[in-house]
């Protein structure tokens, strides 16, 4: 990697986008494994919600890095993407809170593969 690539913000933005996509996919994979081991749907949904919430935060930072050197259409595009990501993040936080208020939730969330006795 040359020194020019290290100073290029769009390259770092792309690397962050890739990392956040891998993190989201990892949480989904852990949720699927949890389901296959009998962890329950509630636990799997909480895992996916956590992954998406964290991933969207990193994706917002990545988008900001990729739009340095701005033009008006890029500013508008960033504003639209930021709005959509904030909306999705709020939706997943709401879903997570709703799941914790579910009467079927017993207050115990074992992470990631512990089985209750």
N, C-alpha and C. Protein backbone atom coordinates (compact mmCIF):
# COMPACT_ATOMS: atom_id res chain seq x y z
N UNK A 1 0.85 -1.16 0.00
CA UNK A 1 0.00 0.00 0.00
C UNK A 1 0.90 1.23 0.00
N UNK A 2 0.71 2.11 -0.95
CA UNK A 2 1.53 3.30 -1.05
C UNK A 2 1.05 4.36 -0.06
N UNK A 3 1.91 5.37 0.17
CA UNK A 3 1.55 6.42 1.12
C UNK A 3 0.39 7.27 0.61
N UNK A 4 0.20 7.34 -0.71
CA UNK A 4 -0.94 8.08 -1.26
C UNK A 4 -2.26 7.41 -0.89
N UNK A 5 -2.28 6.10 -0.88
CA UNK A 5 -3.51 5.40 -0.51
C UNK A 5 -3.82 5.56 0.98
N UNK A 6 -2.77 5.66 1.80
CA UNK A 6 -3.00 5.84 3.23
C UNK A 6 -3.61 7.19 3.54
N UNK A 7 -3.34 8.19 2.72
CA UNK A 7 -3.87 9.53 2.93
C UNK A 7 -5.19 9.76 2.22
N UNK A 8 -5.62 8.82 1.41
CA UNK A 8 -6.85 8.97 0.64
C UNK A 8 -8.04 8.57 1.51
N UNK A 9 -8.88 9.56 1.84
CA UNK A 9 -10.02 9.30 2.72
C UNK A 9 -11.03 8.35 2.10
N UNK A 10 -11.19 8.40 0.79
CA UNK A 10 -12.17 7.52 0.17
C UNK A 10 -11.76 6.05 0.31
N UNK A 11 -10.44 5.78 0.31
CA UNK A 11 -9.98 4.41 0.50
C UNK A 11 -10.33 3.93 1.91
N UNK A 12 -10.11 4.79 2.92
CA UNK A 12 -10.45 4.43 4.30
C UNK A 12 -11.96 4.26 4.45
N UNK A 13 -12.72 5.10 3.76
CA UNK A 13 -14.18 4.96 3.80
C UNK A 13 -14.62 3.62 3.23
N UNK A 14 -14.00 3.23 2.13
CA UNK A 14 -14.33 1.94 1.52
C UNK A 14 -13.95 0.79 2.46
N UNK A 15 -12.79 0.90 3.11
CA UNK A 15 -12.37 -0.15 4.05
C UNK A 15 -13.34 -0.24 5.23
N UNK A 16 -13.80 0.91 5.73
CA UNK A 16 -14.78 0.90 6.82
C UNK A 16 -16.12 0.31 6.38
N UNK A 17 -16.54 0.61 5.16
CA UNK A 17 -17.79 0.03 4.66
C UNK A 17 -17.68 -1.48 4.57
N UNK A 18 -16.55 -1.96 4.08
CA UNK A 18 -16.34 -3.40 4.00
C UNK A 18 -16.35 -4.03 5.39
N UNK A 19 -15.66 -3.40 6.33
CA UNK A 19 -15.60 -3.94 7.70
C UNK A 19 -16.98 -3.97 8.35
N UNK A 20 -17.76 -2.92 8.15
CA UNK A 20 -19.09 -2.91 8.77
C UNK A 20 -20.02 -3.94 8.11
N UNK A 21 -19.88 -4.13 6.81
CA UNK A 21 -20.69 -5.16 6.14
C UNK A 21 -20.32 -6.56 6.65
N UNK A 22 -19.04 -6.79 6.86
CA UNK A 22 -18.59 -8.08 7.39
C UNK A 22 -19.10 -8.26 8.82
N UNK A 23 -19.09 -7.18 9.61
CA UNK A 23 -19.58 -7.27 11.00
C UNK A 23 -21.08 -7.59 11.02
N UNK A 24 -21.86 -6.92 10.17
CA UNK A 24 -23.30 -7.21 10.11
C UNK A 24 -23.53 -8.65 9.69
N UNK A 25 -22.81 -9.09 8.66
CA UNK A 25 -22.95 -10.47 8.20
C UNK A 25 -22.53 -11.45 9.29
N UNK A 26 -21.52 -11.10 10.07
CA UNK A 26 -21.09 -11.95 11.18
C UNK A 26 -22.16 -12.09 12.24
N UNK A 27 -22.82 -10.97 12.58
CA UNK A 27 -23.90 -11.04 13.57
C UNK A 27 -25.07 -11.88 13.03
N UNK A 28 -25.36 -11.76 11.76
CA UNK A 28 -26.43 -12.58 11.16
C UNK A 28 -26.04 -14.05 11.21
N UNK A 29 -24.77 -14.35 10.91
CA UNK A 29 -24.31 -15.74 10.96
C UNK A 29 -24.39 -16.29 12.39
N UNK A 30 -23.99 -15.49 13.37
CA UNK A 30 -24.08 -15.93 14.77
C UNK A 30 -25.54 -16.15 15.16
N UNK A 31 -26.43 -15.29 14.67
CA UNK A 31 -27.86 -15.46 14.96
C UNK A 31 -28.38 -16.76 14.36
N UNK A 32 -27.97 -17.08 13.14
CA UNK A 32 -28.40 -18.33 12.51
C UNK A 32 -27.84 -19.54 13.25
N UNK A 33 -26.59 -19.46 13.68
CA UNK A 33 -26.00 -20.56 14.46
C UNK A 33 -26.74 -20.70 15.79
N UNK A 34 -27.06 -19.57 16.40
CA UNK A 34 -27.81 -19.59 17.66
C UNK A 34 -29.16 -20.27 17.48
N UNK A 35 -29.82 -19.95 16.37
CA UNK A 35 -31.11 -20.61 16.10
C UNK A 35 -30.93 -22.11 15.92
N UNK A 36 -29.89 -22.51 15.21
CA UNK A 36 -29.69 -23.94 14.96
C UNK A 36 -29.32 -24.69 16.24
N UNK A 37 -28.75 -23.98 17.23
CA UNK A 37 -28.41 -24.62 18.51
C UNK A 37 -29.53 -24.52 19.52
N UNK A 38 -30.68 -24.00 19.10
CA UNK A 38 -31.83 -23.92 19.99
C UNK A 38 -31.85 -22.69 20.87
N UNK A 39 -31.19 -21.62 20.44
CA UNK A 39 -31.12 -20.41 21.25
C UNK A 39 -32.40 -19.60 21.27
N UNK A 40 -33.30 -19.84 20.36
CA UNK A 40 -34.56 -19.12 20.34
C UNK A 40 -34.56 -17.97 19.36
N UNK A 41 -35.75 -17.66 18.88
CA UNK A 41 -35.92 -16.60 17.89
C UNK A 41 -35.64 -15.24 18.50
N UNK A 42 -36.05 -15.02 19.73
CA UNK A 42 -35.84 -13.73 20.39
C UNK A 42 -34.35 -13.39 20.46
N UNK A 43 -33.56 -14.35 20.86
CA UNK A 43 -32.12 -14.14 20.95
C UNK A 43 -31.52 -13.85 19.58
N UNK A 44 -31.97 -14.56 18.56
CA UNK A 44 -31.45 -14.34 17.21
C UNK A 44 -31.82 -12.94 16.71
N UNK A 45 -33.04 -12.52 16.98
CA UNK A 45 -33.46 -11.18 16.57
C UNK A 45 -32.66 -10.10 17.28
N UNK A 46 -32.36 -10.31 18.56
CA UNK A 46 -31.54 -9.35 19.30
C UNK A 46 -30.12 -9.28 18.73
N UNK A 47 -29.57 -10.41 18.37
CA UNK A 47 -28.23 -10.42 17.78
C UNK A 47 -28.21 -9.65 16.46
N UNK A 48 -29.19 -9.88 15.62
CA UNK A 48 -29.25 -9.18 14.33
C UNK A 48 -29.42 -7.68 14.56
N UNK A 49 -30.28 -7.32 15.50
CA UNK A 49 -30.50 -5.89 15.79
C UNK A 49 -29.20 -5.23 16.27
N UNK A 50 -28.47 -5.90 17.16
CA UNK A 50 -27.19 -5.35 17.64
C UNK A 50 -26.22 -5.16 16.49
N UNK A 51 -26.12 -6.15 15.62
CA UNK A 51 -25.20 -6.06 14.49
C UNK A 51 -25.55 -4.93 13.55
N UNK A 52 -26.82 -4.76 13.25
CA UNK A 52 -27.24 -3.71 12.34
C UNK A 52 -27.03 -2.33 12.97
N UNK A 53 -27.33 -2.19 14.25
CA UNK A 53 -27.14 -0.90 14.93
C UNK A 53 -25.66 -0.50 14.89
N UNK A 54 -24.79 -1.41 15.24
CA UNK A 54 -23.36 -1.11 15.20
C UNK A 54 -22.84 -0.88 13.79
N UNK A 55 -23.27 -1.70 12.87
CA UNK A 55 -22.82 -1.58 11.48
C UNK A 55 -23.25 -0.28 10.83
N UNK A 56 -24.47 0.17 11.13
CA UNK A 56 -24.94 1.43 10.55
C UNK A 56 -24.17 2.62 11.09
N UNK A 57 -23.74 2.55 12.32
CA UNK A 57 -22.92 3.63 12.88
C UNK A 57 -21.59 3.74 12.13
N UNK A 58 -20.97 2.61 11.88
CA UNK A 58 -19.69 2.61 11.16
C UNK A 58 -19.91 3.01 9.70
N UNK A 59 -21.01 2.57 9.10
CA UNK A 59 -21.29 2.94 7.71
C UNK A 59 -21.48 4.45 7.55
N UNK A 60 -22.05 5.10 8.54
CA UNK A 60 -22.22 6.55 8.48
C UNK A 60 -20.86 7.23 8.47
N UNK A 61 -19.95 6.79 9.32
CA UNK A 61 -18.60 7.35 9.34
C UNK A 61 -17.89 7.08 8.01
N UNK A 62 -18.09 5.90 7.46
CA UNK A 62 -17.45 5.57 6.18
C UNK A 62 -17.97 6.46 5.06
N UNK A 63 -19.26 6.72 5.05
CA UNK A 63 -19.83 7.59 4.03
C UNK A 63 -19.27 9.00 4.15
N UNK A 64 -19.12 9.46 5.35
CA UNK A 64 -18.54 10.79 5.56
C UNK A 64 -17.11 10.85 5.04
N UNK A 65 -16.32 9.83 5.31
CA UNK A 65 -14.94 9.81 4.81
C UNK A 65 -14.90 9.79 3.29
N UNK A 66 -15.82 9.07 2.68
CA UNK A 66 -15.81 8.97 1.21
C UNK A 66 -16.29 10.23 0.53
N UNK A 67 -16.96 11.13 1.27
CA UNK A 67 -17.48 12.34 0.64
C UNK A 67 -16.62 13.57 0.92
N UNK A 68 -15.43 13.38 1.51
CA UNK A 68 -14.54 14.53 1.70
C UNK A 68 -14.07 14.99 0.33
N UNK A 69 -14.05 16.28 0.11
CA UNK A 69 -13.84 16.85 -1.22
C UNK A 69 -15.21 17.03 -1.86
N UNK A 70 -16.10 17.68 -1.18
CA UNK A 70 -17.52 17.68 -1.48
C UNK A 70 -17.92 18.59 -2.63
N UNK A 71 -18.93 18.15 -3.32
CA UNK A 71 -19.68 18.96 -4.28
C UNK A 71 -21.13 18.92 -3.82
N UNK A 72 -21.97 19.79 -4.34
CA UNK A 72 -23.34 19.90 -3.86
C UNK A 72 -24.12 18.61 -3.99
N UNK A 73 -23.97 17.91 -5.11
CA UNK A 73 -24.73 16.65 -5.26
C UNK A 73 -24.23 15.61 -4.26
N UNK A 74 -22.95 15.65 -3.89
CA UNK A 74 -22.44 14.72 -2.89
C UNK A 74 -22.98 15.07 -1.49
N UNK A 75 -23.10 16.35 -1.22
CA UNK A 75 -23.67 16.77 0.06
C UNK A 75 -25.11 16.31 0.18
N UNK A 76 -25.88 16.48 -0.90
CA UNK A 76 -27.27 16.03 -0.88
C UNK A 76 -27.37 14.51 -0.75
N UNK A 77 -26.49 13.80 -1.44
CA UNK A 77 -26.49 12.34 -1.35
C UNK A 77 -26.13 11.90 0.07
N UNK A 78 -25.14 12.55 0.67
CA UNK A 78 -24.76 12.22 2.04
C UNK A 78 -25.92 12.48 3.00
N UNK A 79 -26.62 13.60 2.80
CA UNK A 79 -27.75 13.94 3.67
C UNK A 79 -28.84 12.88 3.56
N UNK A 80 -29.13 12.44 2.35
CA UNK A 80 -30.14 11.40 2.14
C UNK A 80 -29.70 10.09 2.80
N UNK A 81 -28.45 9.68 2.58
CA UNK A 81 -27.96 8.44 3.19
C UNK A 81 -27.94 8.52 4.71
N UNK A 82 -27.54 9.67 5.23
CA UNK A 82 -27.52 9.85 6.68
C UNK A 82 -28.94 9.75 7.25
N UNK A 83 -29.89 10.37 6.58
CA UNK A 83 -31.28 10.29 7.02
C UNK A 83 -31.78 8.84 7.02
N UNK A 84 -31.50 8.11 5.94
CA UNK A 84 -31.96 6.72 5.87
C UNK A 84 -31.30 5.85 6.94
N UNK A 85 -30.01 6.06 7.18
CA UNK A 85 -29.33 5.25 8.18
C UNK A 85 -29.80 5.58 9.58
N UNK A 86 -30.05 6.86 9.85
CA UNK A 86 -30.58 7.23 11.16
C UNK A 86 -31.96 6.61 11.36
N UNK A 87 -32.78 6.66 10.32
CA UNK A 87 -34.12 6.07 10.39
C UNK A 87 -34.03 4.57 10.64
N UNK A 88 -33.16 3.87 9.92
CA UNK A 88 -33.00 2.43 10.12
C UNK A 88 -32.46 2.11 11.51
N UNK A 89 -31.51 2.91 11.97
CA UNK A 89 -30.94 2.67 13.29
C UNK A 89 -32.01 2.86 14.37
N UNK A 90 -32.81 3.91 14.25
CA UNK A 90 -33.89 4.13 15.22
C UNK A 90 -34.89 2.98 15.18
N UNK A 91 -35.18 2.47 13.98
CA UNK A 91 -36.09 1.34 13.83
C UNK A 91 -35.56 0.11 14.55
N UNK A 92 -34.27 -0.18 14.39
CA UNK A 92 -33.70 -1.35 15.04
C UNK A 92 -33.57 -1.16 16.54
N UNK A 93 -33.29 0.04 17.01
CA UNK A 93 -33.26 0.31 18.46
C UNK A 93 -34.66 0.11 19.03
N UNK A 94 -35.68 0.60 18.33
CA UNK A 94 -37.06 0.41 18.76
C UNK A 94 -37.40 -1.08 18.82
N UNK A 95 -36.99 -1.83 17.79
CA UNK A 95 -37.25 -3.27 17.76
C UNK A 95 -36.57 -3.96 18.93
N UNK A 96 -35.33 -3.56 19.23
CA UNK A 96 -34.60 -4.16 20.34
C UNK A 96 -35.30 -3.87 21.66
N UNK A 97 -35.75 -2.64 21.86
CA UNK A 97 -36.47 -2.29 23.09
C UNK A 97 -37.78 -3.06 23.19
N UNK A 98 -38.46 -3.22 22.06
CA UNK A 98 -39.71 -3.95 22.04
C UNK A 98 -39.49 -5.42 22.39
N UNK A 99 -38.37 -5.98 21.91
CA UNK A 99 -38.07 -7.37 22.23
C UNK A 99 -37.77 -7.55 23.71
N UNK A 100 -37.08 -6.57 24.32
CA UNK A 100 -36.80 -6.66 25.75
C UNK A 100 -38.06 -6.53 26.58
N UNK A 101 -39.09 -5.88 26.06
CA UNK A 101 -40.35 -5.74 26.78
C UNK A 101 -41.28 -6.92 26.56
N UNK A 102 -40.88 -7.84 25.70
CA UNK A 102 -41.68 -9.02 25.38
C UNK A 102 -41.82 -9.89 26.63
N UNK A 103 -43.04 -10.33 26.95
CA UNK A 103 -43.23 -11.18 28.14
C UNK A 103 -42.48 -12.51 28.05
N UNK A 104 -42.17 -12.97 26.86
CA UNK A 104 -41.44 -14.22 26.70
C UNK A 104 -39.97 -14.06 27.07
N UNK A 105 -39.47 -12.83 27.11
CA UNK A 105 -38.07 -12.57 27.45
C UNK A 105 -37.93 -12.67 28.97
N UNK A 106 -37.01 -13.53 29.43
CA UNK A 106 -36.89 -13.79 30.86
C UNK A 106 -35.80 -12.96 31.54
N UNK A 107 -35.25 -11.98 30.85
CA UNK A 107 -34.23 -11.13 31.43
C UNK A 107 -32.83 -11.69 31.31
N UNK A 108 -32.69 -12.84 30.69
CA UNK A 108 -31.38 -13.46 30.53
C UNK A 108 -31.05 -13.54 29.06
N UNK A 109 -29.92 -13.00 28.71
CA UNK A 109 -29.47 -13.05 27.32
C UNK A 109 -28.07 -13.64 27.32
N UNK A 110 -27.97 -14.92 27.07
CA UNK A 110 -26.68 -15.58 27.07
C UNK A 110 -26.00 -15.37 25.72
N UNK A 111 -24.76 -14.97 25.77
CA UNK A 111 -24.06 -14.59 24.55
C UNK A 111 -22.76 -15.33 24.48
N UNK A 112 -22.34 -15.85 23.37
CA UNK A 112 -23.12 -16.12 22.19
C UNK A 112 -23.68 -17.54 22.14
N UNK A 113 -23.01 -18.54 22.79
CA UNK A 113 -23.50 -19.91 22.59
C UNK A 113 -23.71 -20.68 23.89
N UNK A 114 -23.90 -20.00 24.98
CA UNK A 114 -24.11 -20.70 26.22
C UNK A 114 -25.53 -21.26 26.27
N UNK A 115 -25.65 -22.44 26.78
CA UNK A 115 -26.99 -23.03 26.96
C UNK A 115 -27.38 -22.93 28.42
N UNK A 116 -28.65 -22.62 28.63
CA UNK A 116 -29.15 -22.55 30.00
C UNK A 116 -29.42 -23.94 30.52
N UNK A 117 -29.20 -24.13 31.81
CA UNK A 117 -29.44 -25.44 32.44
C UNK A 117 -30.86 -25.52 32.92
